[in-house]
Amino acid sequence: MPTPAKNPAPPPAGCLWTTEAAHRIGLTVKTLYTYKNQGKAPECFPIARKLAWPIESLDAWLAAQRKQAAPSPEQEHDSRPPEPRLARRKKATPADADDAELQPAA
């Protein structure tokens, strides 16, 4: 296995390497590669054995994700209220069983 370069080459102007791109958009490198393989990631292009990610495409992709995540005002009001929590049932203890035996049957 070759050793990594002590002074890695800088990315092209206006681009970031994969680790910096993942950090910029708030993802892990593994998630960014997964999104790329699924076709969900911003555009990138290979240079030798690395991927260069244009900063403009990263910012545009991030803006689209924010826009997609924001619910519309109508959607907020159409949502159903949360279900009420049910009270937990009391666990039966041996003392409760003795009390049931002492009470007369109806």
Protein backbone atom coordinates (compact mmCIF):
# COMPACT_ATOMS: atom_id res chain seq x y z
CA MET A 1 0.00 0.00 0.00
CA PRO A 2 1.50 3.33 -0.98
CA THR A 3 2.07 5.91 1.70
CA PRO A 4 0.04 9.11 1.46
CA ALA A 5 1.78 12.20 0.17
CA LYS A 6 3.22 14.47 2.83
CA ASN A 7 2.06 17.54 0.94
CA PRO A 8 -1.21 16.64 -0.81
CA ALA A 9 -2.05 18.61 -3.93
CA PRO A 10 -4.51 21.46 -3.41
CA PRO A 11 -7.93 21.10 -5.03
CA PRO A 12 -8.69 23.03 -8.21
CA ALA A 13 -9.85 26.62 -7.84
CA GLY A 14 -13.44 26.78 -6.58
CA CYS A 15 -13.47 23.12 -5.54
CA LEU A 16 -12.97 21.04 -2.41
CA TRP A 17 -11.72 17.49 -1.90
CA THR A 18 -14.16 14.97 -0.48
CA THR A 19 -13.32 15.40 3.22
CA GLU A 20 -13.68 19.18 3.08
CA ALA A 21 -16.86 18.90 0.98
CA ALA A 22 -18.45 16.51 3.48
CA HIS A 23 -17.52 18.83 6.33
CA ARG A 24 -18.94 21.86 4.48
CA ILE A 25 -22.38 20.31 3.98
CA GLY A 26 -22.46 18.56 7.37
CA LEU A 27 -22.19 14.93 6.30
CA THR A 28 -19.70 12.18 6.94
CA VAL A 29 -17.46 11.10 4.09
CA LYS A 30 -19.18 7.70 4.01
CA THR A 31 -22.62 9.32 3.73
CA LEU A 32 -21.42 11.61 0.97
CA TYR A 33 -20.10 8.62 -1.01
CA THR A 34 -23.37 6.77 -0.39
CA TYR A 35 -25.37 9.74 -1.67
CA LYS A 36 -23.07 9.94 -4.70
CA ASN A 37 -23.64 6.27 -5.53
CA GLN A 38 -27.40 6.71 -5.15
CA GLY A 39 -27.42 9.84 -7.33
CA LYS A 40 -28.51 12.12 -4.47
CA ALA A 41 -25.25 14.05 -4.00
CA PRO A 42 -24.16 17.30 -5.64
CA GLU A 43 -22.16 17.04 -8.83
CA CYS A 44 -18.48 16.20 -8.63
CA PHE A 45 -15.73 15.20 -11.03
CA PRO A 46 -12.70 12.94 -10.69
CA ILE A 47 -9.13 14.16 -10.77
CA ALA A 48 -6.70 11.23 -10.73
CA ARG A 49 -7.95 9.13 -7.81
CA LYS A 50 -9.75 11.91 -5.97
CA LEU A 51 -13.12 13.60 -6.35
CA ALA A 52 -13.34 17.36 -6.67
CA TRP A 53 -16.58 18.95 -5.50
CA PRO A 54 -17.37 22.44 -6.88
CA ILE A 55 -18.26 24.79 -4.02
CA GLU A 56 -21.15 26.28 -6.04
CA SER A 57 -22.78 22.86 -6.47
CA LEU A 58 -22.31 22.07 -2.76
CA ASP A 59 -23.97 25.34 -1.74
CA ALA A 60 -26.81 24.87 -4.26
CA TRP A 61 -27.41 21.31 -3.05
CA LEU A 62 -27.45 22.46 0.58
CA ALA A 63 -29.93 25.25 -0.22
CA ALA A 64 -32.19 22.74 -2.00
CA GLN A 65 -32.06 20.46 1.05
CA ARG A 66 -33.09 23.32 3.33
CA LYS A 67 -35.94 24.30 1.02
CA GLN A 68 -37.12 20.70 0.81
CA ALA A 69 -37.06 20.21 4.60
CA ALA A 70 -39.19 23.27 5.46
CA PRO A 71 -42.88 22.35 5.80
CA SER A 72 -45.45 24.60 4.21
CA PRO A 73 -47.82 26.55 6.54
CA GLU A 74 -50.81 24.52 5.28
CA GLN A 75 -49.01 21.27 6.01
CA GLU A 76 -48.30 22.34 9.60
CA HIS A 77 -51.97 23.04 10.31
CA ASP A 78 -53.23 19.89 8.64
CA SER A 79 -51.16 17.71 10.91
CA ARG A 80 -52.86 15.61 13.51
CA PRO A 81 -52.39 16.43 17.20
CA PRO A 82 -50.24 14.02 19.18
CA GLU A 83 -51.93 11.03 20.72
CA PRO A 84 -52.46 11.23 24.49
CA ARG A 85 -50.19 9.05 26.56
CA LEU A 86 -51.80 6.11 28.26
CA ALA A 87 -51.24 5.67 31.96
CA ARG A 88 -49.11 2.71 32.89
CA ARG A 89 -50.88 -0.20 34.42
CA LYS A 90 -50.05 -0.96 37.99
CA LYS A 91 -48.16 -4.20 38.37
CA ALA A 92 -49.94 -6.85 40.41
CA THR A 93 -48.14 -7.70 43.62
CA PRO A 94 -48.64 -10.73 45.87
CA ALA A 95 -50.34 -8.45 48.43
CA ASP A 96 -52.99 -7.51 45.84
CA ALA A 97 -53.73 -11.18 45.20
CA ASP A 98 -54.25 -11.78 48.94
CA ASP A 99 -56.66 -8.82 49.10
CA ALA A 100 -58.68 -10.23 46.18
CA GLU A 101 -59.07 -13.57 47.98
CA LEU A 102 -60.35 -11.89 51.15
CA GLN A 103 -63.08 -9.90 49.40
CA PRO A 104 -66.43 -11.69 49.10
CA ALA A 105 -67.47 -12.77 45.64
CA ALA A 106 -70.40 -10.87 44.17
